Amino acid sequence: MSNNILNSINRNVIIQVINELPDEFSTKDVSENIKVIKSNPGIANHSHYHAFIGKFLKNRLIDSNGKNMLIEIASKRSRGSVWRKNTLK
């Protein structure tokens, strides 16, 4: 997966949307949110869009102490991985 694609994802909007979700949520709860779709017009229609958002959640949400802001608690579900907020509150 291209780092250019992951670098293009709007981190601030992703965090804003996650903050509006319960402590446990699925990848598609984020990727299907209209704010996320509108903030990422370059990739929203890509066939692997949901996978890009999942990869971003897994590898790009690191806090200032180097900890993952989310913990992946289940993978390969119908709505993508299931995430639990870790340091993202």
PDB file of N, CA and C in Angstrom:
ATOM      1  N   MET A   1       0.850  -1.177   0.000  1.00  0.00           N
ATOM      2  CA  MET A   1       0.000   0.000   0.000  1.00  0.00           C
ATOM      3  C   MET A   1       0.891   1.234   0.000  1.00  0.00           C
ATOM      4  N   SER A   2       0.571   2.142  -0.823  1.00  0.00           N
ATOM      5  CA  SER A   2       1.394   3.325  -0.998  1.00  0.00           C
ATOM      6  C   SER A   2       1.337   4.257   0.207  1.00  0.00           C
ATOM      7  N   ASN A   3       2.532   4.690   0.650  1.00  0.00           N
ATOM      8  CA  ASN A   3       2.590   5.683   1.718  1.00  0.00           C
ATOM      9  C   ASN A   3       1.960   6.993   1.283  1.00  0.00           C
ATOM     10  N   ASN A   4       2.016   7.298  -0.023  1.00  0.00           N
ATOM     11  CA  ASN A   4       1.397   8.525  -0.514  1.00  0.00           C
ATOM     12  C   ASN A   4      -0.097   8.542  -0.243  1.00  0.00           C
ATOM     13  N   ILE A   5      -0.747   7.410  -0.402  1.00  0.00           N
ATOM     14  CA  ILE A   5      -2.182   7.323  -0.126  1.00  0.00           C
ATOM     15  C   ILE A   5      -2.433   7.530   1.359  1.00  0.00           C
ATOM     16  N   LEU A   6      -1.677   6.830   2.211  1.00  0.00           N
ATOM     17  CA  LEU A   6      -1.873   6.991   3.652  1.00  0.00           C
ATOM     18  C   LEU A   6      -1.566   8.410   4.104  1.00  0.00           C
ATOM     19  N   ASN A   7      -0.553   9.022   3.489  1.00  0.00           N
ATOM     20  CA  ASN A   7      -0.211  10.405   3.839  1.00  0.00           C
ATOM     21  C   ASN A   7      -1.295  11.388   3.424  1.00  0.00           C
ATOM     22  N   SER A   8      -2.102  11.026   2.438  1.00  0.00           N
ATOM     23  CA  SER A   8      -3.141  11.934   1.954  1.00  0.00           C
ATOM     24  C   SER A   8      -4.407  11.904   2.812  1.00  0.00           C
ATOM     25  N   ILE A   9      -4.538  10.921   3.686  1.00  0.00           N
ATOM     26  CA  ILE A   9      -5.741  10.803   4.517  1.00  0.00           C
ATOM     27  C   ILE A   9      -5.742  11.907   5.573  1.00  0.00           C
ATOM     28  N   ASN A  10      -6.885  12.534   5.736  1.00  0.00           N
ATOM     29  CA  ASN A  10      -7.033  13.663   6.647  1.00  0.00           C
ATOM     30  C   ASN A  10      -7.116  13.177   8.099  1.00  0.00           C
ATOM     31  N   ARG A  11      -5.995  13.235   8.792  1.00  0.00           N
ATOM     32  CA  ARG A  11      -5.879  12.746  10.170  1.00  0.00           C
ATOM     33  C   ARG A  11      -6.843  13.465  11.118  1.00  0.00           C
ATOM     34  N   ASN A  12      -6.952  14.777  10.996  1.00  0.00           N
ATOM     35  CA  ASN A  12      -7.807  15.540  11.911  1.00  0.00           C
ATOM     36  C   ASN A  12      -9.264  15.123  11.823  1.00  0.00           C
ATOM     37  N   VAL A  13      -9.737  14.888  10.619  1.00  0.00           N
ATOM     38  CA  VAL A  13     -11.128  14.462  10.449  1.00  0.00           C
ATOM     39  C   VAL A  13     -11.308  13.044  10.986  1.00  0.00           C
ATOM     40  N   ILE A  14     -10.350  12.170  10.737  1.00  0.00           N
ATOM     41  CA  ILE A  14     -10.418  10.800  11.266  1.00  0.00           C
ATOM     42  C   ILE A  14     -10.543  10.846  12.793  1.00  0.00           C
ATOM     43  N   ILE A  15      -9.710  11.627  13.445  1.00  0.00           N
ATOM     44  CA  ILE A  15      -9.750  11.723  14.911  1.00  0.00           C
ATOM     45  C   ILE A  15     -11.076  12.316  15.380  1.00  0.00           C
ATOM     46  N   GLN A  16     -11.552  13.338  14.691  1.00  0.00           N
ATOM     47  CA  GLN A  16     -12.833  13.950  15.046  1.00  0.00           C
ATOM     48  C   GLN A  16     -13.959  12.915  14.989  1.00  0.00           C
ATOM     49  N   VAL A  17     -14.006  12.143  13.922  1.00  0.00           N
ATOM     50  CA  VAL A  17     -15.049  11.131  13.757  1.00  0.00           C
ATOM     51  C   VAL A  17     -14.922  10.048  14.819  1.00  0.00           C
ATOM     52  N   ILE A  18     -13.712   9.578  15.077  1.00  0.00           N
ATOM     53  CA  ILE A  18     -13.512   8.541  16.096  1.00  0.00           C
ATOM     54  C   ILE A  18     -13.969   9.042  17.462  1.00  0.00           C
ATOM     55  N   ASN A  19     -13.704  10.299  17.765  1.00  0.00           N
ATOM     56  CA  ASN A  19     -14.131  10.853  19.046  1.00  0.00           C
ATOM     57  C   ASN A  19     -15.652  10.866  19.200  1.00  0.00           C
ATOM     58  N   GLU A  20     -16.372  10.845  18.099  1.00  0.00           N
ATOM     59  CA  GLU A  20     -17.837  10.817  18.123  1.00  0.00           C
ATOM     60  C   GLU A  20     -18.391   9.395  18.245  1.00  0.00           C
ATOM     61  N   LEU A  21     -17.533   8.398  18.104  1.00  0.00           N
ATOM     62  CA  LEU A  21     -17.947   6.995  18.150  1.00  0.00           C
ATOM     63  C   LEU A  21     -17.810   6.432  19.562  1.00  0.00           C
ATOM     64  N   PRO A  22     -18.485   5.309  19.845  1.00  0.00           N
ATOM     65  CA  PRO A  22     -18.288   4.646  21.138  1.00  0.00           C
ATOM     66  C   PRO A  22     -16.861   4.122  21.278  1.00  0.00           C
ATOM     67  N   ASP A  23     -16.510   3.616  22.453  1.00  0.00           N
ATOM     68  CA  ASP A  23     -15.141   3.153  22.705  1.00  0.00           C
ATOM     69  C   ASP A  23     -14.728   1.991  21.804  1.00  0.00           C
ATOM     70  N   GLU A  24     -15.690   1.206  21.319  1.00  0.00           N
ATOM     71  CA  GLU A  24     -15.407   0.138  20.352  1.00  0.00           C
ATOM     72  C   GLU A  24     -16.209   0.400  19.087  1.00  0.00           C
ATOM     73  N   PHE A  25     -15.556   0.254  17.950  1.00  0.00           N
ATOM     74  CA  PHE A  25     -16.194   0.546  16.670  1.00  0.00           C
ATOM     75  C   PHE A  25     -15.481  -0.237  15.574  1.00  0.00           C
ATOM     76  N   SER A  26     -16.080  -0.252  14.384  1.00  0.00           N
ATOM     77  CA  SER A  26     -15.516  -0.952  13.225  1.00  0.00           C
ATOM     78  C   SER A  26     -14.903   0.039  12.243  1.00  0.00           C
ATOM     79  N   THR A  27     -14.017  -0.463  11.418  1.00  0.00           N
ATOM     80  CA  THR A  27     -13.382   0.366  10.398  1.00  0.00           C
ATOM     81  C   THR A  27     -14.420   1.114   9.568  1.00  0.00           C
ATOM     82  N   LYS A  28     -15.464   0.432   9.129  1.00  0.00           N
ATOM     83  CA  LYS A  28     -16.458   1.078   8.272  1.00  0.00           C
ATOM     84  C   LYS A  28     -17.281   2.129   9.010  1.00  0.00           C
ATOM     85  N   ASP A  29     -17.313   2.099  10.346  1.00  0.00           N
ATOM     86  CA  ASP A  29     -17.949   3.189  11.081  1.00  0.00           C
ATOM     87  C   ASP A  29     -17.212   4.495  10.811  1.00  0.00           C
ATOM     88  N   VAL A  30     -15.926   4.388  10.558  1.00  0.00           N
ATOM     89  CA  VAL A  30     -15.105   5.554  10.228  1.00  0.00           C
ATOM     90  C   VAL A  30     -15.164   5.816   8.724  1.00  0.00           C
ATOM     91  N   SER A  31     -14.863   4.809   7.916  1.00  0.00           N
ATOM     92  CA  SER A  31     -14.733   5.022   6.475  1.00  0.00           C
ATOM     93  C   SER A  31     -16.055   5.395   5.801  1.00  0.00           C
ATOM     94  N   GLU A  32     -17.185   4.994   6.357  1.00  0.00           N
ATOM     95  CA  GLU A  32     -18.476   5.333   5.767  1.00  0.00           C
ATOM     96  C   GLU A  32     -19.024   6.670   6.273  1.00  0.00           C
ATOM     97  N   ASN A  33     -18.358   7.280   7.221  1.00  0.00           N
ATOM     98  CA  ASN A  33     -18.804   8.574   7.741  1.00  0.00           C
ATOM     99  C   ASN A  33     -18.644   9.633   6.654  1.00  0.00           C
ATOM    100  N   ILE A  34     -19.679  10.425   6.458  1.00  0.00           N
ATOM    101  CA  ILE A  34     -19.682  11.419   5.375  1.00  0.00           C
ATOM    102  C   ILE A  34     -18.548  12.432   5.530  1.00  0.00           C
ATOM    103  N   LYS A  35     -18.170  12.771   6.753  1.00  0.00           N
ATOM    104  CA  LYS A  35     -17.056  13.715   6.965  1.00  0.00           C
ATOM    105  C   LYS A  35     -15.749  13.127   6.444  1.00  0.00           C
ATOM    106  N   VAL A  36     -15.538  11.846   6.678  1.00  0.00           N
ATOM    107  CA  VAL A  36     -14.314  11.182   6.218  1.00  0.00           C
ATOM    108  C   VAL A  36     -14.322  11.068   4.695  1.00  0.00           C
ATOM    109  N   ILE A  37     -15.444  10.687   4.142  1.00  0.00           N
ATOM    110  CA  ILE A  37     -15.542  10.569   2.681  1.00  0.00           C
ATOM    111  C   ILE A  37     -15.252  11.911   2.018  1.00  0.00           C
ATOM    112  N   LYS A  38     -15.891  12.970   2.500  1.00  0.00           N
ATOM    113  CA  LYS A  38     -15.711  14.290   1.887  1.00  0.00           C
ATOM    114  C   LYS A  38     -14.296  14.833   2.081  1.00  0.00           C
ATOM    115  N   SER A  39     -13.633  14.454   3.157  1.00  0.00           N
ATOM    116  CA  SER A  39     -12.288  14.975   3.415  1.00  0.00           C
ATOM    117  C   SER A  39     -11.198  14.198   2.675  1.00  0.00           C
ATOM    118  N   ASN A  40     -11.575  13.121   2.020  1.00  0.00           N
ATOM    119  CA  ASN A  40     -10.621  12.280   1.289  1.00  0.00           C
ATOM    120  C   ASN A  40     -11.116  11.989  -0.122  1.00  0.00           C
ATOM    121  N   PRO A  41     -11.415  13.050  -0.899  1.00  0.00           N
ATOM    122  CA  PRO A  41     -12.009  12.837  -2.222  1.00  0.00           C
ATOM    123  C   PRO A  41     -11.103  12.091  -3.197  1.00  0.00           C
ATOM    124  N   GLY A  42      -9.811  12.153  -2.999  1.00  0.00           N
ATOM    125  CA  GLY A  42      -8.890  11.492  -3.916  1.00  0.00           C
ATOM    126  C   GLY A  42      -8.909   9.979  -3.827  1.00  0.00           C
ATOM    127  N   ILE A  43      -9.370   9.442  -2.707  1.00  0.00           N
ATOM    128  CA  ILE A  43      -9.362   7.979  -2.546  1.00  0.00           C
ATOM    129  C   ILE A  43     -10.734   7.394  -2.231  1.00  0.00           C
ATOM    130  N   ALA A  44     -11.729   8.218  -1.964  1.00  0.00           N
ATOM    131  CA  ALA A  44     -13.037   7.725  -1.515  1.00  0.00           C
ATOM    132  C   ALA A  44     -13.701   6.781  -2.514  1.00  0.00           C
ATOM    133  N   ASN A  45     -13.394   6.917  -3.789  1.00  0.00           N
ATOM    134  CA  ASN A  45     -13.989   6.035  -4.802  1.00  0.00           C
ATOM    135  C   ASN A  45     -13.091   4.872  -5.191  1.00  0.00           C
ATOM    136  N   HIS A  46     -11.953   4.760  -4.552  1.00  0.00           N
ATOM    137  CA  HIS A  46     -11.013   3.679  -4.861  1.00  0.00           C
ATOM    138  C   HIS A  46     -11.587   2.345  -4.370  1.00  0.00           C
ATOM    139  N   SER A  47     -11.318   1.284  -5.082  1.00  0.00           N
ATOM    140  CA  SER A  47     -11.855  -0.038  -4.709  1.00  0.00           C
ATOM    141  C   SER A  47     -11.313  -0.540  -3.373  1.00  0.00           C
ATOM    142  N   HIS A  48     -10.193   0.002  -2.920  1.00  0.00           N
ATOM    143  CA  HIS A  48      -9.606  -0.423  -1.654  1.00  0.00           C
ATOM    144  C   HIS A  48      -9.723   0.654  -0.571  1.00  0.00           C
ATOM    145  N   TYR A  49     -10.655   1.574  -0.756  1.00  0.00           N
ATOM    146  CA  TYR A  49     -10.819   2.706   0.166  1.00  0.00           C
ATOM    147  C   TYR A  49     -10.930   2.266   1.626  1.00  0.00           C
ATOM    148  N   HIS A  50     -11.793   1.308   1.927  1.00  0.00           N
ATOM    149  CA  HIS A  50     -11.983   0.875   3.316  1.00  0.00           C
ATOM    150  C   HIS A  50     -10.693   0.282   3.883  1.00  0.00           C
ATOM    151  N   ALA A  51      -9.953  -0.431   3.051  1.00  0.00           N
ATOM    152  CA  ALA A  51      -8.663  -0.996   3.484  1.00  0.00           C
ATOM    153  C   ALA A  51      -7.662   0.114   3.776  1.00  0.00           C
ATOM    154  N   PHE A  52      -7.672   1.176   2.971  1.00  0.00           N
ATOM    155  CA  PHE A  52      -6.778   2.309   3.236  1.00  0.00           C
ATOM    156  C   PHE A  52      -7.075   2.926   4.595  1.00  0.00           C
ATOM    157  N   ILE A  53      -8.360   3.107   4.885  1.00  0.00           N
ATOM    158  CA  ILE A  53      -8.731   3.697   6.179  1.00  0.00           C
ATOM    159  C   ILE A  53      -8.335   2.745   7.308  1.00  0.00           C
ATOM    160  N   GLY A  54      -8.548   1.459   7.135  1.00  0.00           N
ATOM    161  CA  GLY A  54      -8.144   0.485   8.154  1.00  0.00           C
ATOM    162  C   GLY A  54      -6.652   0.503   8.406  1.00  0.00           C
ATOM    163  N   LYS A  55      -5.874   0.558   7.331  1.00  0.00           N
ATOM    164  CA  LYS A  55      -4.411   0.616   7.458  1.00  0.00           C
ATOM    165  C   LYS A  55      -3.999   1.902   8.173  1.00  0.00           C
ATOM    166  N   PHE A  56      -4.671   3.001   7.867  1.00  0.00           N
ATOM    167  CA  PHE A  56      -4.391   4.266   8.538  1.00  0.00           C
ATOM    168  C   PHE A  56      -4.682   4.147  10.034  1.00  0.00           C
ATOM    169  N   LEU A  57      -5.822   3.554  10.388  1.00  0.00           N
ATOM    170  CA  LEU A  57      -6.173   3.391  11.801  1.00  0.00           C
ATOM    171  C   LEU A  57      -5.127   2.548  12.530  1.00  0.00           C
ATOM    172  N   LYS A  58      -4.618   1.544  11.854  1.00  0.00           N
ATOM    173  CA  LYS A  58      -3.667   0.624  12.475  1.00  0.00           C
ATOM    174  C   LYS A  58      -2.266   1.220  12.606  1.00  0.00           C
ATOM    175  N   ASN A  59      -1.825   1.952  11.588  1.00  0.00           N
ATOM    176  CA  ASN A  59      -0.419   2.354  11.543  1.00  0.00           C
ATOM    177  C   ASN A  59      -0.140   3.838  11.701  1.00  0.00           C
ATOM    178  N   ARG A  60      -1.142   4.678  11.580  1.00  0.00           N
ATOM    179  CA  ARG A  60      -0.875   6.112  11.555  1.00  0.00           C
ATOM    180  C   ARG A  60      -1.414   6.878  12.757  1.00  0.00           C
ATOM    181  N   LEU A  61      -2.178   6.242  13.614  1.00  0.00           N
ATOM    182  CA  LEU A  61      -2.702   6.948  14.783  1.00  0.00           C
ATOM    183  C   LEU A  61      -1.845   6.613  16.002  1.00  0.00           C
ATOM    184  N   ILE A  62      -0.758   7.351  16.111  1.00  0.00           N
ATOM    185  CA  ILE A  62       0.208   7.185  17.192  1.00  0.00           C
ATOM    186  C   ILE A  62       0.204   8.472  18.008  1.00  0.00           C
ATOM    187  N   ASP A  63       0.166   8.364  19.342  1.00  0.00           N
ATOM    188  CA  ASP A  63       0.162   9.581  20.157  1.00  0.00           C
ATOM    189  C   ASP A  63       1.573  10.119  20.350  1.00  0.00           C
ATOM    190  N   SER A  64       1.693  11.215  21.075  1.00  0.00           N
ATOM    191  CA  SER A  64       2.997  11.870  21.246  1.00  0.00           C
ATOM    192  C   SER A  64       3.987  11.033  22.047  1.00  0.00           C
ATOM    193  N   ASN A  65       3.500  10.003  22.751  1.00  0.00           N
ATOM    194  CA  ASN A  65       4.369   9.098  23.507  1.00  0.00           C
ATOM    195  C   ASN A  65       4.740   7.852  22.693  1.00  0.00           C
ATOM    196  N   GLY A  66       4.301   7.802  21.447  1.00  0.00           N
ATOM    197  CA  GLY A  66       4.617   6.669  20.589  1.00  0.00           C
ATOM    198  C   GLY A  66       3.686   5.483  20.741  1.00  0.00           C
ATOM    199  N   LYS A  67       2.566   5.645  21.450  1.00  0.00           N
ATOM    200  CA  LYS A  67       1.607   4.560  21.647  1.00  0.00           C
ATOM    201  C   LYS A  67       0.508   4.618  20.603  1.00  0.00           C
ATOM    202  N   ASN A  68       0.025   3.439  20.216  1.00  0.00           N
ATOM    203  CA  ASN A  68      -1.118   3.382  19.306  1.00  0.00           C
ATOM    204  C   ASN A  68      -2.335   3.967  20.004  1.00  0.00           C
ATOM    205  N   MET A  69      -3.031   4.835  19.305  1.00  0.00           N
ATOM    206  CA  MET A  69      -4.224   5.459  19.858  1.00  0.00           C
ATOM    207  C   MET A  69      -5.413   4.509  19.850  1.00  0.00           C
ATOM    208  N   LEU A  70      -5.323   3.462  19.032  1.00  0.00           N
ATOM    209  CA  LEU A  70      -6.376   2.452  18.928  1.00  0.00           C
ATOM    210  C   LEU A  70      -5.757   1.066  19.058  1.00  0.00           C
ATOM    211  N   ILE A  71      -6.546   0.141  19.562  1.00  0.00           N
ATOM    212  CA  ILE A  71      -6.138  -1.267  19.641  1.00  0.00           C
ATOM    213  C   ILE A  71      -7.080  -2.068  18.750  1.00  0.00           C
ATOM    214  N   GLU A  72      -6.516  -2.845  17.852  1.00  0.00           N
ATOM    215  CA  GLU A  72      -7.322  -3.712  17.000  1.00  0.00           C
ATOM    216  C   GLU A  72      -7.689  -4.948  17.810  1.00  0.00           C
ATOM    217  N   ILE A  73      -8.973  -5.149  18.076  1.00  0.00           N
ATOM    218  CA  ILE A  73      -9.383  -6.275  18.918  1.00  0.00           C
ATOM    219  C   ILE A  73      -9.970  -7.439  18.114  1.00  0.00           C
ATOM    220  N   ALA A  74     -10.291  -7.199  16.857  1.00  0.00           N
ATOM    221  CA  ALA A  74     -10.759  -8.269  15.971  1.00  0.00           C
ATOM    222  C   ALA A  74     -10.519  -7.817  14.533  1.00  0.00           C
ATOM    223  N   SER A  75     -10.239  -8.782  13.656  1.00  0.00           N
ATOM    224  CA  SER A  75      -9.999  -8.431  12.249  1.00  0.00           C
ATOM    225  C   SER A  75     -10.860  -9.300  11.344  1.00  0.00           C
ATOM    226  N   LYS A  76     -10.906  -8.867  10.091  1.00  0.00           N
ATOM    227  CA  LYS A  76     -11.600  -9.616   9.042  1.00  0.00           C
ATOM    228  C   LYS A  76     -13.075  -9.853   9.372  1.00  0.00           C
ATOM    229  N   ARG A  77     -13.724  -8.813   9.837  1.00  0.00           N
ATOM    230  CA  ARG A  77     -15.169  -8.866  10.081  1.00  0.00           C
ATOM    231  C   ARG A  77     -15.882  -8.252   8.879  1.00  0.00           C
ATOM    232  N   SER A  78     -17.175  -8.376   8.833  1.00  0.00           N
ATOM    233  CA  SER A  78     -17.922  -7.849   7.686  1.00  0.00           C
ATOM    234  C   SER A  78     -17.803  -6.332   7.557  1.00  0.00           C
ATOM    235  N   ARG A  79     -17.545  -5.641   8.661  1.00  0.00           N
ATOM    236  CA  ARG A  79     -17.391  -4.188   8.631  1.00  0.00           C
ATOM    237  C   ARG A  79     -15.945  -3.790   8.899  1.00  0.00           C
ATOM    238  N   GLY A  80     -15.037  -4.694   8.607  1.00  0.00           N
ATOM    239  CA  GLY A  80     -13.617  -4.424   8.824  1.00  0.00           C
ATOM    240  C   GLY A  80     -13.196  -4.813  10.225  1.00  0.00           C
ATOM    241  N   SER A  81     -12.061  -4.324  10.647  1.00  0.00           N
ATOM    242  CA  SER A  81     -11.570  -4.628  11.988  1.00  0.00           C
ATOM    243  C   SER A  81     -12.420  -3.936  13.036  1.00  0.00           C
ATOM    244  N   VAL A  82     -12.370  -4.490  14.242  1.00  0.00           N
ATOM    245  CA  VAL A  82     -13.012  -3.849  15.399  1.00  0.00           C
ATOM    246  C   VAL A  82     -11.902  -3.213  16.209  1.00  0.00           C
ATOM    247  N   TRP A  83     -12.114  -1.962  16.583  1.00  0.00           N
ATOM    248  CA  TRP A  83     -11.109  -1.156  17.273  1.00  0.00           C
ATOM    249  C   TRP A  83     -11.609  -0.737  18.641  1.00  0.00           C
ATOM    250  N   ARG A  84     -10.671  -0.588  19.566  1.00  0.00           N
ATOM    251  CA  ARG A  84     -10.954  -0.033  20.893  1.00  0.00           C
ATOM    252  C   ARG A  84     -10.055   1.183  21.083  1.00  0.00           C
ATOM    253  N   LYS A  85     -10.645   2.240  21.584  1.00  0.00           N
ATOM    254  CA  LYS A  85      -9.851   3.443  21.859  1.00  0.00           C
ATOM    255  C   LYS A  85      -8.861   3.121  22.960  1.00  0.00           C
ATOM    256  N   ASN A  86      -7.628   3.524  22.768  1.00  0.00           N
ATOM    257  CA  ASN A  86      -6.556   3.284  23.727  1.00  0.00           C
ATOM    258  C   ASN A  86      -6.159   4.609  24.361  1.00  0.00           C
ATOM    259  N   THR A  87      -5.424   5.400  23.642  1.00  0.00           N
ATOM    260  CA  THR A  87      -5.028   6.706  24.159  1.00  0.00           C
ATOM    261  C   THR A  87      -5.841   7.823  23.533  1.00  0.00           C
ATOM    262  N   LEU A  88      -6.746   7.484  22.612  1.00  0.00           N
ATOM    263  CA  LEU A  88      -7.578   8.480  21.965  1.00  0.00           C
ATOM    264  C   LEU A  88      -8.863   8.628  22.771  1.00  0.00           C
ATOM    265  N   LYS A  89      -8.971   9.723  23.468  1.00  0.00           N
ATOM    266  CA  LYS A  89     -10.156   9.969  24.308  1.00  0.00           C
ATOM    267  C   LYS A  89     -10.684  11.343  24.046  1.00  0.00           C
TER     268      LYS A  89
END
